[in-house]
Amino acid sequence: MAEAEGGPDMVSFRELARRLVADGIVETISHQRLSKISREDPAFPPVMRVGKTNAVDYRLAAPYFRNRVTRPGWRTDLKGKPPASDE
């Protein structure tokens, strides 16, 4: 883990996924999911292109994921359609 001082701690999405799980911030996440979140959430930390790899500063990504509210989806392949809401 990088020290609080100094430059950014740039990591690839694969390494970010590994560290988020190892640090207990998330239970499980894939680099593919990180890529999707980075494209869809404007609050995601800035992504830098390093060669063919996307990289993000771990010191910005860790707090983002600690504070991120997740909304797990309904597994239609296992449970069928969700129940109708009473709204």
N, C-alpha and C. Protein backbone atom coordinates (compact mmCIF):
# COMPACT_ATOMS: atom_id res chain seq x y z
N MET A 1 0.85 -1.18 0.00
CA MET A 1 0.00 0.00 0.00
C MET A 1 0.89 1.24 0.00
N ALA A 2 0.51 2.23 -0.73
CA ALA A 2 1.31 3.45 -0.83
C ALA A 2 1.13 4.29 0.43
N GLU A 3 2.14 5.09 0.69
CA GLU A 3 2.07 6.00 1.82
C GLU A 3 1.15 7.16 1.47
N ALA A 4 0.69 7.87 2.49
CA ALA A 4 -0.24 8.97 2.28
C ALA A 4 0.41 10.12 1.51
N GLU A 5 1.73 10.27 1.62
CA GLU A 5 2.41 11.35 0.93
C GLU A 5 2.97 10.84 -0.39
N GLY A 6 3.34 11.78 -1.25
CA GLY A 6 3.93 11.40 -2.52
C GLY A 6 2.91 11.47 -3.64
N GLY A 7 3.29 10.88 -4.77
CA GLY A 7 2.44 10.92 -5.94
C GLY A 7 1.30 9.93 -5.87
N PRO A 8 0.55 9.86 -6.95
CA PRO A 8 -0.59 8.93 -6.99
C PRO A 8 -0.13 7.48 -6.98
N ASP A 9 -1.00 6.61 -6.54
CA ASP A 9 -0.77 5.16 -6.50
C ASP A 9 -1.59 4.56 -7.64
N MET A 10 -1.07 4.67 -8.87
CA MET A 10 -1.82 4.24 -10.05
C MET A 10 -1.82 2.72 -10.16
N VAL A 11 -3.01 2.14 -10.34
CA VAL A 11 -3.16 0.70 -10.48
C VAL A 11 -4.09 0.40 -11.65
N SER A 12 -3.87 -0.75 -12.28
CA SER A 12 -4.75 -1.20 -13.35
C SER A 12 -6.08 -1.64 -12.74
N PHE A 13 -7.09 -1.83 -13.58
CA PHE A 13 -8.38 -2.30 -13.08
C PHE A 13 -8.26 -3.70 -12.46
N ARG A 14 -7.39 -4.54 -13.02
CA ARG A 14 -7.18 -5.88 -12.44
C ARG A 14 -6.61 -5.77 -11.04
N GLU A 15 -5.60 -4.91 -10.88
CA GLU A 15 -4.98 -4.72 -9.56
C GLU A 15 -5.95 -4.02 -8.62
N LEU A 16 -6.73 -3.09 -9.13
CA LEU A 16 -7.72 -2.41 -8.29
C LEU A 16 -8.72 -3.41 -7.74
N ALA A 17 -9.21 -4.30 -8.59
CA ALA A 17 -10.17 -5.33 -8.14
C ALA A 17 -9.54 -6.19 -7.05
N ARG A 18 -8.29 -6.62 -7.27
CA ARG A 18 -7.60 -7.47 -6.30
C ARG A 18 -7.43 -6.75 -4.96
N ARG A 19 -7.02 -5.48 -5.00
CA ARG A 19 -6.78 -4.75 -3.76
C ARG A 19 -8.06 -4.40 -3.01
N LEU A 20 -9.12 -4.06 -3.74
CA LEU A 20 -10.39 -3.77 -3.06
C LEU A 20 -10.88 -4.98 -2.28
N VAL A 21 -10.72 -6.17 -2.84
CA VAL A 21 -11.13 -7.39 -2.15
C VAL A 21 -10.16 -7.69 -1.01
N ALA A 22 -8.86 -7.60 -1.27
CA ALA A 22 -7.85 -7.90 -0.24
C ALA A 22 -7.97 -6.95 0.96
N ASP A 23 -8.31 -5.70 0.71
CA ASP A 23 -8.45 -4.71 1.79
C ASP A 23 -9.82 -4.77 2.47
N GLY A 24 -10.69 -5.66 2.01
CA GLY A 24 -12.01 -5.82 2.62
C GLY A 24 -12.99 -4.70 2.31
N ILE A 25 -12.72 -3.93 1.28
CA ILE A 25 -13.61 -2.83 0.92
C ILE A 25 -14.85 -3.36 0.22
N VAL A 26 -14.66 -4.34 -0.65
CA VAL A 26 -15.78 -5.01 -1.30
C VAL A 26 -15.59 -6.52 -1.13
N GLU A 27 -16.69 -7.25 -1.16
CA GLU A 27 -16.61 -8.70 -1.01
C GLU A 27 -16.05 -9.35 -2.27
N THR A 28 -16.51 -8.90 -3.42
CA THR A 28 -16.06 -9.43 -4.70
C THR A 28 -16.32 -8.40 -5.79
N ILE A 29 -15.40 -8.32 -6.76
CA ILE A 29 -15.58 -7.44 -7.91
C ILE A 29 -14.59 -7.86 -8.99
N SER A 30 -14.98 -7.71 -10.24
CA SER A 30 -14.11 -8.07 -11.35
C SER A 30 -13.59 -6.81 -12.04
N HIS A 31 -12.52 -6.96 -12.81
CA HIS A 31 -12.02 -5.81 -13.55
C HIS A 31 -13.01 -5.39 -14.63
N GLN A 32 -13.82 -6.33 -15.12
CA GLN A 32 -14.85 -5.97 -16.11
C GLN A 32 -15.91 -5.07 -15.48
N ARG A 33 -16.29 -5.40 -14.24
CA ARG A 33 -17.29 -4.58 -13.53
C ARG A 33 -16.73 -3.18 -13.26
N LEU A 34 -15.45 -3.12 -12.90
CA LEU A 34 -14.82 -1.82 -12.66
C LEU A 34 -14.84 -0.97 -13.93
N SER A 35 -14.58 -1.61 -15.06
CA SER A 35 -14.60 -0.89 -16.33
C SER A 35 -15.99 -0.33 -16.61
N LYS A 36 -17.00 -1.13 -16.37
CA LYS A 36 -18.38 -0.68 -16.61
C LYS A 36 -18.75 0.47 -15.67
N ILE A 37 -18.40 0.35 -14.40
CA ILE A 37 -18.70 1.42 -13.43
C ILE A 37 -17.99 2.70 -13.85
N SER A 38 -16.73 2.58 -14.30
CA SER A 38 -15.97 3.78 -14.69
C SER A 38 -16.62 4.50 -15.86
N ARG A 39 -17.26 3.75 -16.76
CA ARG A 39 -17.93 4.36 -17.92
C ARG A 39 -19.27 4.97 -17.56
N GLU A 40 -19.97 4.39 -16.58
CA GLU A 40 -21.35 4.79 -16.30
C GLU A 40 -21.51 5.77 -15.14
N ASP A 41 -20.55 5.82 -14.22
CA ASP A 41 -20.69 6.66 -13.04
C ASP A 41 -19.78 7.88 -13.15
N PRO A 42 -20.36 9.07 -13.30
CA PRO A 42 -19.52 10.27 -13.42
C PRO A 42 -18.71 10.58 -12.16
N ALA A 43 -19.09 10.00 -11.02
CA ALA A 43 -18.36 10.23 -9.77
C ALA A 43 -17.14 9.33 -9.64
N PHE A 44 -16.96 8.38 -10.57
CA PHE A 44 -15.81 7.47 -10.52
C PHE A 44 -14.53 8.29 -10.64
N PRO A 45 -13.49 7.91 -9.89
CA PRO A 45 -12.23 8.67 -9.98
C PRO A 45 -11.69 8.71 -11.42
N PRO A 46 -10.90 9.73 -11.74
CA PRO A 46 -10.38 9.87 -13.10
C PRO A 46 -9.59 8.63 -13.54
N VAL A 47 -9.84 8.22 -14.78
CA VAL A 47 -9.16 7.06 -15.35
C VAL A 47 -8.11 7.56 -16.34
N MET A 48 -6.91 7.03 -16.20
CA MET A 48 -5.81 7.37 -17.10
C MET A 48 -5.53 6.19 -18.01
N ARG A 49 -5.19 6.47 -19.24
CA ARG A 49 -4.81 5.41 -20.18
C ARG A 49 -3.29 5.28 -20.12
N VAL A 50 -2.81 4.09 -19.80
CA VAL A 50 -1.37 3.81 -19.76
C VAL A 50 -1.13 2.68 -20.74
N GLY A 51 -0.65 3.01 -21.92
CA GLY A 51 -0.53 2.02 -22.98
C GLY A 51 -1.92 1.56 -23.38
N LYS A 52 -2.16 0.26 -23.27
CA LYS A 52 -3.49 -0.29 -23.58
C LYS A 52 -4.31 -0.52 -22.32
N THR A 53 -3.80 -0.10 -21.18
CA THR A 53 -4.42 -0.38 -19.89
C THR A 53 -5.04 0.87 -19.29
N ASN A 54 -6.21 0.71 -18.67
CA ASN A 54 -6.80 1.80 -17.90
C ASN A 54 -6.24 1.72 -16.48
N ALA A 55 -5.91 2.88 -15.93
CA ALA A 55 -5.37 2.93 -14.57
C ALA A 55 -6.09 4.01 -13.78
N VAL A 56 -6.16 3.79 -12.48
CA VAL A 56 -6.83 4.74 -11.59
C VAL A 56 -6.00 4.86 -10.32
N ASP A 57 -6.07 6.00 -9.67
CA ASP A 57 -5.34 6.23 -8.42
C ASP A 57 -6.05 5.49 -7.29
N TYR A 58 -5.37 4.53 -6.68
CA TYR A 58 -5.99 3.75 -5.61
C TYR A 58 -6.40 4.63 -4.43
N ARG A 59 -5.66 5.69 -4.18
CA ARG A 59 -5.99 6.58 -3.05
C ARG A 59 -7.30 7.32 -3.28
N LEU A 60 -7.74 7.44 -4.52
CA LEU A 60 -9.05 8.03 -4.81
C LEU A 60 -10.13 6.95 -4.94
N ALA A 61 -9.74 5.79 -5.47
CA ALA A 61 -10.71 4.72 -5.71
C ALA A 61 -11.17 4.06 -4.41
N ALA A 62 -10.29 3.87 -3.45
CA ALA A 62 -10.67 3.19 -2.20
C ALA A 62 -11.80 3.94 -1.48
N PRO A 63 -11.68 5.26 -1.25
CA PRO A 63 -12.80 5.96 -0.60
C PRO A 63 -14.07 5.95 -1.44
N TYR A 64 -13.93 6.02 -2.77
CA TYR A 64 -15.10 5.95 -3.65
C TYR A 64 -15.87 4.65 -3.39
N PHE A 65 -15.17 3.53 -3.34
CA PHE A 65 -15.85 2.25 -3.14
C PHE A 65 -16.32 2.06 -1.70
N ARG A 66 -15.64 2.65 -0.73
CA ARG A 66 -16.12 2.57 0.66
C ARG A 66 -17.48 3.26 0.81
N ASN A 67 -17.67 4.35 0.08
CA ASN A 67 -18.88 5.15 0.21
C ASN A 67 -19.94 4.84 -0.83
N ARG A 68 -19.63 3.95 -1.77
CA ARG A 68 -20.56 3.65 -2.87
C ARG A 68 -21.74 2.83 -2.37
N VAL A 69 -22.93 3.27 -2.74
CA VAL A 69 -24.16 2.55 -2.40
C VAL A 69 -24.46 1.59 -3.53
N THR A 70 -24.54 0.30 -3.21
CA THR A 70 -24.82 -0.69 -4.25
C THR A 70 -26.30 -1.02 -4.27
N ARG A 71 -26.77 -1.38 -5.44
CA ARG A 71 -28.16 -1.79 -5.62
C ARG A 71 -28.16 -3.12 -6.36
N PRO A 72 -28.00 -4.22 -5.63
CA PRO A 72 -27.97 -5.52 -6.31
C PRO A 72 -29.23 -5.75 -7.14
N GLY A 73 -29.03 -6.34 -8.30
CA GLY A 73 -30.15 -6.61 -9.19
C GLY A 73 -30.89 -7.89 -8.83
N TRP A 74 -31.98 -8.11 -9.48
CA TRP A 74 -32.79 -9.31 -9.28
C TRP A 74 -32.32 -10.36 -10.27
N ARG A 75 -31.98 -11.55 -9.81
CA ARG A 75 -31.48 -12.63 -10.67
C ARG A 75 -32.66 -13.30 -11.36
N THR A 76 -33.03 -12.81 -12.53
CA THR A 76 -34.17 -13.38 -13.25
C THR A 76 -33.87 -14.80 -13.73
N ASP A 77 -32.60 -15.12 -13.92
CA ASP A 77 -32.26 -16.48 -14.36
C ASP A 77 -32.47 -17.50 -13.24
N LEU A 78 -32.47 -17.04 -11.99
CA LEU A 78 -32.66 -17.94 -10.85
C LEU A 78 -34.04 -17.80 -10.20
N LYS A 79 -34.57 -16.60 -10.19
CA LYS A 79 -35.79 -16.31 -9.43
C LYS A 79 -36.99 -15.97 -10.30
N GLY A 80 -36.84 -15.89 -11.60
CA GLY A 80 -37.95 -15.45 -12.44
C GLY A 80 -38.08 -13.94 -12.36
N LYS A 81 -39.21 -13.43 -12.81
CA LYS A 81 -39.43 -11.99 -12.79
C LYS A 81 -39.65 -11.50 -11.36
N PRO A 82 -39.22 -10.26 -11.06
CA PRO A 82 -39.44 -9.73 -9.72
C PRO A 82 -40.91 -9.52 -9.45
N PRO A 83 -41.31 -9.53 -8.18
CA PRO A 83 -42.72 -9.30 -7.86
C PRO A 83 -43.13 -7.89 -8.24
N ALA A 84 -44.38 -7.73 -8.58
CA ALA A 84 -44.91 -6.41 -8.93
C ALA A 84 -44.85 -5.51 -7.71
N SER A 85 -44.46 -4.26 -7.92
CA SER A 85 -44.41 -3.33 -6.79
C SER A 85 -45.81 -2.83 -6.46
N ASP A 86 -45.97 -2.39 -5.23
CA ASP A 86 -47.26 -1.92 -4.74
C ASP A 86 -47.43 -0.41 -4.92
N GLU A 87 -46.61 0.18 -5.76
CA GLU A 87 -46.66 1.64 -5.92
C GLU A 87 -47.84 2.09 -6.70
